C-alpha atoms as a PDB file:
ATOM      1  CA  MET A   1     124.664 131.733  93.527  1.00  0.00           C
ATOM      2  CA  LYS A   2     127.561 131.806  96.057  1.00  0.00           C
ATOM      3  CA  PHE A   3     128.611 128.807  98.093  1.00  0.00           C
ATOM      4  CA  THR A   4     129.943 129.673 101.513  1.00  0.00           C
ATOM      5  CA  ARG A   5     130.744 126.123 102.631  1.00  0.00           C
ATOM      6  CA  ILE A   6     131.019 122.730 100.875  1.00  0.00           C
ATOM      7  CA  ASP A   7     131.757 119.612 102.970  1.00  0.00           C
ATOM      8  CA  GLU A   8     131.714 115.893 101.906  1.00  0.00           C
ATOM      9  CA  VAL A   9     132.435 112.402 103.318  1.00  0.00           C
ATOM     10  CA  SER A  10     132.379 108.890 101.986  1.00  0.00           C
ATOM     11  CA  VAL A  11     133.312 105.987 104.249  1.00  0.00           C
ATOM     12  CA  SER A  12     133.306 102.280 103.055  1.00  0.00           C
ATOM     13  CA  GLY A  13     131.070  99.786 104.724  1.00  0.00           C
ATOM     14  CA  GLY A  14     133.248  96.877 103.544  1.00  0.00           C
ATOM     15  CA  TYR A  15     136.416  96.150 101.650  1.00  0.00           C
ATOM     16  CA  VAL A  16     135.254  98.317  98.724  1.00  0.00           C
ATOM     17  CA  ASN A  17     133.279 101.543  98.649  1.00  0.00           C
ATOM     18  CA  LEU A  18     130.553 101.457  95.954  1.00  0.00           C
ATOM     19  CA  ASP A  19     129.377 105.064  96.709  1.00  0.00           C
ATOM     20  CA  LEU A  20     130.559 108.217  95.030  1.00  0.00           C
ATOM     21  CA  GLN A  21     129.825 111.854  95.580  1.00  0.00           C
ATOM     22  CA  GLY A  22     130.846 114.934  93.687  1.00  0.00           C
ATOM     23  CA  HIS A  23     130.323 118.533  92.777  1.00  0.00           C
ATOM     24  CA  LYS A  24     131.256 120.761  89.915  1.00  0.00           C
ATOM     25  CA  GLU A  25     130.417 124.473  89.831  1.00  0.00           C
ATOM     26  CA  ASN A  26     126.712 124.535  91.012  1.00  0.00           C
ATOM     27  CA  VAL A  27     125.964 120.833  90.576  1.00  0.00           C
ATOM     28  CA  PHE A  28     126.100 118.257  93.322  1.00  0.00           C
ATOM     29  CA  TRP A  29     125.453 114.549  93.289  1.00  0.00           C
ATOM     30  CA  VAL A  30     125.592 111.177  95.158  1.00  0.00           C
ATOM     31  CA  ILE A  31     125.647 107.702  93.740  1.00  0.00           C
ATOM     32  CA  ASP A  32     124.986 104.456  95.716  1.00  0.00           C
ATOM     33  CA  GLY A  33     126.012 101.418  93.784  1.00  0.00           C
ATOM     34  CA  ALA A  34     124.419  97.949  94.447  1.00  0.00           C
ATOM     35  CA  THR A  35     126.053  94.700  93.199  1.00  0.00           C
ATOM     36  CA  ALA A  36     124.325  92.147  91.322  1.00  0.00           C
ATOM     37  CA  LEU A  37     123.171  89.171  93.473  1.00  0.00           C
ATOM     38  CA  SER A  38     125.275  86.639  91.583  1.00  0.00           C
ATOM     39  CA  SER A  39     126.651  83.753  93.532  1.00  0.00           C
ATOM     40  CA  ASP A  40     129.401  82.597  91.175  1.00  0.00           C
ATOM     41  CA  LYS A  41     131.547  85.600  90.671  1.00  0.00           C
ATOM     42  CA  PRO A  42     131.317  88.226  93.492  1.00  0.00           C
ATOM     43  CA  ASP A  43     134.559  89.979  92.425  1.00  0.00           C
ATOM     44  CA  LYS A  44     133.157  90.447  88.900  1.00  0.00           C
ATOM     45  CA  ALA A  45     129.953  91.837  90.397  1.00  0.00           C
ATOM     46  CA  THR A  46     131.868  94.371  92.427  1.00  0.00           C
ATOM     47  CA  TYR A  47     134.052  95.390  89.626  1.00  0.00           C
ATOM     48  CA  GLU A  48     130.989  95.962  87.362  1.00  0.00           C
ATOM     49  CA  VAL A  49     129.143  98.202  89.785  1.00  0.00           C
ATOM     50  CA  GLN A  50     132.346 100.155  90.442  1.00  0.00           C
ATOM     51  CA  SER A  51     132.782 100.700  86.757  1.00  0.00           C
ATOM     52  CA  ILE A  52     129.108 101.784  86.311  1.00  0.00           C
ATOM     53  CA  VAL A  53     129.285 104.206  89.221  1.00  0.00           C
ATOM     54  CA  GLU A  54     132.537 105.727  87.928  1.00  0.00           C
ATOM     55  CA  LYS A  55     130.993 105.959  84.435  1.00  0.00           C
ATOM     56  CA  ILE A  56     127.914 107.771  85.770  1.00  0.00           C
ATOM     57  CA  ASP A  57     130.291 110.129  87.783  1.00  0.00           C
ATOM     58  CA  GLU A  58     132.316 110.913  84.647  1.00  0.00           C
ATOM     59  CA  THR A  59     129.286 111.568  82.533  1.00  0.00           C
ATOM     60  CA  ILE A  60     127.897 114.027  85.150  1.00  0.00           C
ATOM     61  CA  LYS A  61     131.212 115.850  85.436  1.00  0.00           C
ATOM     62  CA  THR A  62     131.490 116.103  81.578  1.00  0.00           C
ATOM     63  CA  ARG A  63     127.939 117.351  80.949  1.00  0.00           C
ATOM     64  CA  THR A  64     127.367 119.780  83.752  1.00  0.00           C
ATOM     65  CA  ASP A  65     129.214 122.588  82.002  1.00  0.00           C
ATOM     66  CA  ASP A  66     126.361 123.025  79.447  1.00  0.00           C
ATOM     67  CA  THR A  67     123.442 124.434  81.562  1.00  0.00           C
ATOM     68  CA  ARG A  68     121.150 123.829  78.579  1.00  0.00           C
ATOM     69  CA  VAL A  69     121.446 120.049  79.156  1.00  0.00           C
ATOM     70  CA  SER A  70     118.853 119.086  81.712  1.00  0.00           C
ATOM     71  CA  LEU A  71     119.515 116.715  84.571  1.00  0.00           C
ATOM     72  CA  LYS A  72     117.300 114.115  83.001  1.00  0.00           C
ATOM     73  CA  ASN A  73     119.148 114.333  79.757  1.00  0.00           C
ATOM     74  CA  ILE A  74     122.407 113.808  81.712  1.00  0.00           C
ATOM     75  CA  MET A  75     120.948 110.678  83.217  1.00  0.00           C
ATOM     76  CA  TYR A  76     119.959 109.541  79.657  1.00  0.00           C
ATOM     77  CA  GLU A  77     123.465 110.095  78.443  1.00  0.00           C
ATOM     78  CA  ALA A  78     124.741 108.157  81.408  1.00  0.00           C
ATOM     79  CA  ALA A  79     122.439 105.255  80.706  1.00  0.00           C
ATOM     80  CA  GLU A  80     123.715 105.141  77.131  1.00  0.00           C
ATOM     81  CA  GLU A  81     127.311 105.120  78.369  1.00  0.00           C
ATOM     82  CA  VAL A  82     126.639 102.278  80.859  1.00  0.00           C
ATOM     83  CA  ASN A  83     124.890 100.162  78.205  1.00  0.00           C
ATOM     84  CA  THR A  84     127.862 100.664  75.913  1.00  0.00           C
ATOM     85  CA  LEU A  85     130.185  99.737  78.736  1.00  0.00           C
ATOM     86  CA  ILE A  86     128.288  96.481  79.446  1.00  0.00           C
ATOM     87  CA  PRO A  87     126.402  95.604  76.200  1.00  0.00           C
ATOM     88  CA  GLU A  88     124.780  92.365  77.557  1.00  0.00           C
ATOM     89  CA  LEU A  89     123.576  93.979  80.754  1.00  0.00           C
ATOM     90  CA  HIS A  90     119.777  93.628  80.071  1.00  0.00           C
ATOM     91  CA  ARG A  91     119.971  90.093  78.803  1.00  0.00           C
ATOM     92  CA  ARG A  92     120.614  88.916  82.313  1.00  0.00           C
ATOM     93  CA  GLU A  93     118.160  87.907  84.999  1.00  0.00           C
ATOM     94  CA  PRO A  94     117.141  91.025  86.919  1.00  0.00           C
ATOM     95  CA  TRP A  95     119.089  90.060  90.038  1.00  0.00           C
ATOM     96  CA  GLU A  96     122.161  89.689  87.947  1.00  0.00           C
ATOM     97  CA  ILE A  97     122.115  93.336  86.935  1.00  0.00           C
ATOM     98  CA  PRO A  98     124.000  95.921  89.019  1.00  0.00           C
ATOM     99  CA  SER A  99     122.159  99.082  89.861  1.00  0.00           C
ATOM    100  CA  CYS A 100     122.656 102.489  91.563  1.00  0.00           C
ATOM    101  CA  ALA A 101     120.556 104.904  93.528  1.00  0.00           C
ATOM    102  CA  ILE A 102     121.345 108.521  92.309  1.00  0.00           C
ATOM    103  CA  ALA A 103     120.463 112.007  93.261  1.00  0.00           C
ATOM    104  CA  ILE A 104     121.683 115.098  91.219  1.00  0.00           C
ATOM    105  CA  THR A 105     120.926 118.641  92.056  1.00  0.00           C
ATOM    106  CA  ARG A 106     121.670 121.912  90.198  1.00  0.00           C
ATOM    107  CA  VAL A 107     121.567 125.100  92.377  1.00  0.00           C
ATOM    108  CA  ASN A 108     120.426 127.981  90.191  1.00  0.00           C
ATOM    109  CA  GLU A 109     119.831 131.632  91.240  1.00  0.00           C
ATOM    110  CA  GLU A 110     116.092 131.050  91.793  1.00  0.00           C
ATOM    111  CA  SER A 111     115.687 127.322  92.276  1.00  0.00           C
ATOM    112  CA  ILE A 112     117.362 123.978  92.909  1.00  0.00           C
ATOM    113  CA  ASP A 113     116.649 121.550  90.154  1.00  0.00           C
ATOM    114  CA  TYR A 114     116.756 117.865  91.146  1.00  0.00           C
ATOM    115  CA  ILE A 115     116.424 114.383  89.792  1.00  0.00           C
ATOM    116  CA  LEU A 116     116.427 111.271  92.043  1.00  0.00           C
ATOM    117  CA  LEU A 117     116.226 107.536  91.556  1.00  0.00           C
ATOM    118  CA  GLY A 118     116.209 105.193  94.507  1.00  0.00           C
ATOM    119  CA  ASP A 119     116.623 105.434  98.276  1.00  0.00           C
ATOM    120  CA  VAL A 120     119.158 108.389  98.332  1.00  0.00           C
ATOM    121  CA  THR A 121     117.979 111.633 100.104  1.00  0.00           C
ATOM    122  CA  ILE A 122     118.036 115.268  99.093  1.00  0.00           C
ATOM    123  CA  ALA A 123     117.346 117.702 102.068  1.00  0.00           C
ATOM    124  CA  VAL A 124     117.082 121.407 101.663  1.00  0.00           C
ATOM    125  CA  PHE A 125     116.606 123.810 104.579  1.00  0.00           C
ATOM    126  CA  GLN A 126     115.734 127.477 104.017  1.00  0.00           C
ATOM    127  CA  SER A 127     113.750 130.213 105.798  1.00  0.00           C
ATOM    128  CA  ASP A 128     110.514 128.678 104.574  1.00  0.00           C
ATOM    129  CA  GLY A 129     111.223 125.324 106.205  1.00  0.00           C
ATOM    130  CA  LEU A 130     112.561 121.883 105.304  1.00  0.00           C
ATOM    131  CA  HIS A 131     112.284 120.105 101.948  1.00  0.00           C
ATOM    132  CA  VAL A 132     113.155 116.329 101.919  1.00  0.00           C
ATOM    133  CA  ILE A 133     113.083 114.245  98.615  1.00  0.00           C
ATOM    134  CA  THR A 134     113.605 110.551  98.717  1.00  0.00           C
ATOM    135  CA  ASP A 135     111.922 107.366  97.383  1.00  0.00           C
ATOM    136  CA  ASN A 136     111.547 104.507  99.895  1.00  0.00           C
ATOM    137  CA  SER A 137     109.915 102.116  97.457  1.00  0.00           C
ATOM    138  CA  VAL A 138     112.854  99.845  97.688  1.00  0.00           C
ATOM    139  CA  GLY A 139     112.867 100.290 101.379  1.00  0.00           C
ATOM    140  CA  VAL A 140     109.380  98.616 101.553  1.00  0.00           C
ATOM    141  CA  LEU A 141     110.838  95.531 100.019  1.00  0.00           C
ATOM    142  CA  ASP A 142     114.009  95.745 102.120  1.00  0.00           C
ATOM    143  CA  LYS A 143     111.832  95.719 105.245  1.00  0.00           C
ATOM    144  CA  ILE A 144     110.408  92.387 104.211  1.00  0.00           C
ATOM    145  CA  ALA A 145     113.855  90.846 103.806  1.00  0.00           C
ATOM    146  CA  ILE A 146     115.219  92.383 107.000  1.00  0.00           C
ATOM    147  CA  THR A 147     112.160  91.160 108.966  1.00  0.00           C
ATOM    148  CA  GLU A 148     112.925  87.599 107.818  1.00  0.00           C
ATOM    149  CA  LYS A 149     116.602  88.074 108.731  1.00  0.00           C
ATOM    150  CA  TYR A 150     115.752  89.214 112.138  1.00  0.00           C
ATOM    151  CA  ARG A 151     113.409  86.211 112.685  1.00  0.00           C
ATOM    152  CA  LEU A 152     116.144  83.753 111.689  1.00  0.00           C
ATOM    153  CA  GLN A 153     118.516  85.429 114.149  1.00  0.00           C
ATOM    154  CA  VAL A 154     115.984  85.593 117.130  1.00  0.00           C
ATOM    155  CA  ASP A 155     114.089  82.388 116.526  1.00  0.00           C
ATOM    156  CA  TYR A 156     116.895  80.106 115.175  1.00  0.00           C
ATOM    157  CA  GLY A 157     120.046  81.578 116.588  1.00  0.00           C
ATOM    158  CA  PHE A 158     121.541  82.440 113.157  1.00  0.00           C
ATOM    159  CA  THR A 159     124.424  84.919 113.214  1.00  0.00           C
ATOM    160  CA  SER A 160     123.776  88.177 111.206  1.00  0.00           C
ATOM    161  CA  LYS A 161     126.109  86.856 108.428  1.00  0.00           C
ATOM    162  CA  GLU A 162     124.265  83.435 108.289  1.00  0.00           C
ATOM    163  CA  ALA A 163     120.872  85.099 108.215  1.00  0.00           C
ATOM    164  CA  ARG A 164     121.912  87.525 105.567  1.00  0.00           C
ATOM    165  CA  ASN A 165     123.124  84.615 103.388  1.00  0.00           C
ATOM    166  CA  ALA A 166     119.836  82.673 103.996  1.00  0.00           C
ATOM    167  CA  ILE A 167     117.595  85.494 102.736  1.00  0.00           C
ATOM    168  CA  THR A 168     119.280  85.635  99.387  1.00  0.00           C
ATOM    169  CA  PRO A 169     116.182  84.087  97.623  1.00  0.00           C
ATOM    170  CA  ILE A 170     114.013  87.030  99.023  1.00  0.00           C
ATOM    171  CA  LEU A 171     116.472  89.476  97.852  1.00  0.00           C
ATOM    172  CA  ARG A 172     116.549  88.105  94.376  1.00  0.00           C
ATOM    173  CA  GLU A 173     112.760  88.028  94.292  1.00  0.00           C
ATOM    174  CA  ASN A 174     112.863  91.785  95.277  1.00  0.00           C
ATOM    175  CA  ARG A 175     115.361  92.536  92.619  1.00  0.00           C
ATOM    176  CA  SER A 176     113.146  90.851  90.034  1.00  0.00           C
ATOM    177  CA  LYS A 177     110.720  93.684  90.667  1.00  0.00           C
ATOM    178  CA  MET A 178     113.268  96.338  89.799  1.00  0.00           C
ATOM    179  CA  ASN A 179     112.000  98.967  87.326  1.00  0.00           C
ATOM    180  CA  THR A 180     108.516  97.632  87.113  1.00  0.00           C
ATOM    181  CA  PRO A 181     105.219  99.402  87.790  1.00  0.00           C
ATOM    182  CA  ASN A 182     104.043  99.473  91.299  1.00  0.00           C
ATOM    183  CA  SER A 183     107.433  98.475  92.701  1.00  0.00           C
ATOM    184  CA  TYR A 184     110.587 100.600  92.583  1.00  0.00           C
ATOM    185  CA  TRP A 185     112.663 102.486  90.031  1.00  0.00           C
ATOM    186  CA  ILE A 186     116.505 102.482  90.088  1.00  0.00           C
ATOM    187  CA  PHE A 187     119.285 103.323  87.669  1.00  0.00           C
ATOM    188  CA  ASN A 188     120.546 100.312  85.783  1.00  0.00           C
ATOM    189  CA  GLY A 189     120.790 101.715  82.185  1.00  0.00           C
ATOM    190  CA  ASP A 190     116.975 101.291  81.636  1.00  0.00           C
ATOM    191  CA  ILE A 191     115.710 104.459  80.019  1.00  0.00           C
ATOM    192  CA  ASN A 192     112.135 103.660  81.382  1.00  0.00           C
ATOM    193  CA  ALA A 193     113.543 104.160  84.906  1.00  0.00           C
ATOM    194  CA  ILE A 194     114.771 107.596  84.196  1.00  0.00           C
ATOM    195  CA  ASP A 195     111.405 108.535  82.844  1.00  0.00           C
ATOM    196  CA  ASN A 196     109.991 107.590  86.277  1.00  0.00           C
ATOM    197  CA  ALA A 197     112.605 109.375  88.407  1.00  0.00           C
ATOM    198  CA  LEU A 198     111.519 112.017  90.977  1.00  0.00           C
ATOM    199  CA  THR A 199     112.146 115.388  89.336  1.00  0.00           C
ATOM    200  CA  GLY A 200     111.331 118.992  90.340  1.00  0.00           C
ATOM    201  CA  LYS A 201     112.395 122.462  91.540  1.00  0.00           C
ATOM    202  CA  ILE A 202     112.690 123.931  94.928  1.00  0.00           C
ATOM    203  CA  GLN A 203     112.409 127.679  94.996  1.00  0.00           C
ATOM    204  CA  ILE A 204     115.386 129.447  96.617  1.00  0.00           C
ATOM    205  CA  LYS A 205     114.700 131.970  99.411  1.00  0.00           C
ATOM    206  CA  ASN A 206     118.057 133.953  99.254  1.00  0.00           C
ATOM    207  CA  SER A 207     120.111 131.408 101.288  1.00  0.00           C
ATOM    208  CA  GLY A 208     120.026 127.912 102.668  1.00  0.00           C
ATOM    209  CA  LYS A 209     121.616 124.460 103.193  1.00  0.00           C
ATOM    210  CA  LEU A 210     121.688 121.499 100.859  1.00  0.00           C
ATOM    211  CA  LEU A 211     122.565 117.872 101.719  1.00  0.00           C
ATOM    212  CA  LEU A 212     122.625 114.812  99.527  1.00  0.00           C
ATOM    213  CA  SER A 213     123.004 111.489 101.254  1.00  0.00           C
ATOM    214  CA  THR A 214     123.189 107.768 100.448  1.00  0.00           C
ATOM    215  CA  ASP A 215     121.069 105.407 102.641  1.00  0.00           C
ATOM    216  CA  GLY A 216     124.038 104.324 104.599  1.00  0.00           C
ATOM    217  CA  PHE A 217     124.564 107.890 105.949  1.00  0.00           C
ATOM    218  CA  SER A 218     120.908 108.365 106.306  1.00  0.00           C
ATOM    219  CA  ARG A 219     120.923 105.692 109.030  1.00  0.00           C
ATOM    220  CA  LEU A 220     121.661 108.602 111.423  1.00  0.00           C
ATOM    221  CA  VAL A 221     118.154 109.782 110.892  1.00  0.00           C
ATOM    222  CA  ASP A 222     115.938 106.942 109.891  1.00  0.00           C
ATOM    223  CA  LEU A 223     117.505 104.024 111.709  1.00  0.00           C
ATOM    224  CA  PHE A 224     119.463 104.982 114.825  1.00  0.00           C
ATOM    225  CA  SER A 225     117.484 108.212 115.414  1.00  0.00           C
ATOM    226  CA  ALA A 226     120.768 110.021 116.306  1.00  0.00           C
ATOM    227  CA  TYR A 227     118.855 112.923 114.810  1.00  0.00           C
ATOM    228  CA  ASN A 228     115.006 113.063 115.119  1.00  0.00           C
ATOM    229  CA  THR A 229     114.687 115.021 111.825  1.00  0.00           C
ATOM    230  CA  TRP A 230     116.910 116.123 108.819  1.00  0.00           C
ATOM    231  CA  GLU A 231     116.446 119.628 110.117  1.00  0.00           C
ATOM    232  CA  SER A 232     118.163 118.837 113.494  1.00  0.00           C
ATOM    233  CA  LEU A 233     120.990 117.141 111.497  1.00  0.00           C
ATOM    234  CA  LEU A 234     121.498 120.179 109.281  1.00  0.00           C
ATOM    235  CA  ASN A 235     121.485 122.399 112.247  1.00  0.00           C
ATOM    236  CA  ASP A 236     124.150 120.296 113.920  1.00  0.00           C
ATOM    237  CA  LEU A 237     126.335 120.896 110.902  1.00  0.00           C
ATOM    238  CA  GLU A 238     126.909 124.497 112.005  1.00  0.00           C
ATOM    239  CA  ASN A 239     129.274 123.034 114.554  1.00  0.00           C
ATOM    240  CA  LYS A 240     130.253 119.740 113.121  1.00  0.00           C
ATOM    241  CA  THR A 241     131.543 118.199 109.958  1.00  0.00           C
ATOM    242  CA  LEU A 242     130.154 115.302 107.915  1.00  0.00           C
ATOM    243  CA  GLU A 243     133.171 113.281 109.021  1.00  0.00           C
ATOM    244  CA  ASP A 244     132.238 113.873 112.645  1.00  0.00           C
ATOM    245  CA  MET A 245     128.783 112.534 111.811  1.00  0.00           C
ATOM    246  CA  ALA A 246     130.266 109.513 109.927  1.00  0.00           C
ATOM    247  CA  ASN A 247     132.395 108.695 112.903  1.00  0.00           C
ATOM    248  CA  ARG A 248     129.281 108.944 115.234  1.00  0.00           C
ATOM    249  CA  LEU A 249     127.441 106.528 112.896  1.00  0.00           C
ATOM    250  CA  ARG A 250     130.160 103.982 112.948  1.00  0.00           C
ATOM    251  CA  LYS A 251     130.261 104.062 116.655  1.00  0.00           C
ATOM    252  CA  LEU A 252     126.549 103.439 116.861  1.00  0.00           C
ATOM    253  CA  GLU A 253     126.862 100.542 114.399  1.00  0.00           C
ATOM    254  CA  LEU A 254     129.603  98.858 116.450  1.00  0.00           C
ATOM    255  CA  GLN A 255     127.370  98.973 119.498  1.00  0.00           C
ATOM    256  CA  ASP A 256     124.964  96.592 117.619  1.00  0.00           C
ATOM    257  CA  PRO A 257     127.345  94.297 115.715  1.00  0.00           C
ATOM    258  CA  GLU A 258     124.790  91.542 115.251  1.00  0.00           C
ATOM    259  CA  CYS A 259     122.214  93.962 114.013  1.00  0.00           C
ATOM    260  CA  ILE A 260     119.420  92.930 116.507  1.00  0.00           C
ATOM    261  CA  ASN A 261     118.696  96.200 118.318  1.00  0.00           C
ATOM    262  CA  TYR A 262     118.625  97.947 114.906  1.00  0.00           C
ATOM    263  CA  PRO A 263     117.707  95.303 112.400  1.00  0.00           C
ATOM    264  CA  ARG A 264     119.604  95.793 109.012  1.00  0.00           C
ATOM    265  CA  PHE A 265     121.354  93.802 106.453  1.00  0.00           C
ATOM    266  CA  SER A 266     124.873  94.222 107.825  1.00  0.00           C
ATOM    267  CA  ILE A 267     126.788  96.073 110.577  1.00  0.00           C
ATOM    268  CA  HIS A 268     128.000  98.818 108.227  1.00  0.00           C
ATOM    269  CA  ASP A 269     127.055 100.184 104.859  1.00  0.00           C
ATOM    270  CA  ASP A 270     128.897 102.606 102.551  1.00  0.00           C
ATOM    271  CA  ALA A 271     128.011 106.067 104.014  1.00  0.00           C
ATOM    272  CA  THR A 272     128.265 109.099 101.814  1.00  0.00           C
ATOM    273  CA  ALA A 273     126.983 112.672 101.889  1.00  0.00           C
ATOM    274  CA  ILE A 274     127.760 116.089 100.367  1.00  0.00           C
ATOM    275  CA  TYR A 275     126.707 119.294 101.974  1.00  0.00           C
ATOM    276  CA  ALA A 276     126.631 122.950 100.791  1.00  0.00           C
ATOM    277  CA  GLU A 277     125.578 126.251 102.281  1.00  0.00           C
ATOM    278  CA  PHE A 278     124.553 128.830  99.696  1.00  0.00           C
ATOM    279  CA  GLU A 279     123.403 132.390  99.403  1.00  0.00           C
ATOM    280  CA  SER A 280     122.341 134.752  96.548  1.00  0.00           C
ATOM    281  CA  GLU A 281     124.984 137.122  95.360  1.00  0.00           C
END
């Protein structure tokens, strides 16, 4: 498989970027880290999720050379590395455990293999149409919390920051459902979550476009409707870069600093994407 263009972007939504993206040979990935909801040591929580994201990234880079190793097995190995890194991880309350949404793809000659955990997105556009893979299970819970945040702002005059702090109990309750049946599955070192990841193959039709995105970048489509579909976004990449799109996203966010017109947790989020155009050799 020949890659005729590769583009990537990652912009921080705060003082630390907890996203990562990468590619090596024919493997592409994005990781979206989420800090634990601990109130006493926020700096430690940030450091932990950074360390976990970097460890996963390192594991993927190390293991992609061997094509015999499946993407699921790479995730298993990443989980083992993370549990070694923080041995006490799963002795904590669920909301005290850092987590990550992850998508990994391997572009072969005849198909694209993928594995996905969480609300990251894989979009593939070829001659037979558009394929979009994501898991919005966590989004269902997020919507409950965002609705309450919006109510506090509109009905009681809370600022966005005040309302975000006030809904912490709801967020902790949602996190307590992490990696349980009929809720949502996310990477946090739990092998059971990997067993429930979305996996599959997309057949390749000679050439196409591949985009992997964290939910912060996906706001262009599913929140601000800057693009009505992923297909229109991919088409626009013929004349633009991912950096152009990230800049447009930031401008849209700044037009709604209190998150009222477009309800969300915060004005910005880490926004990361990686894009590739490919064709059969």
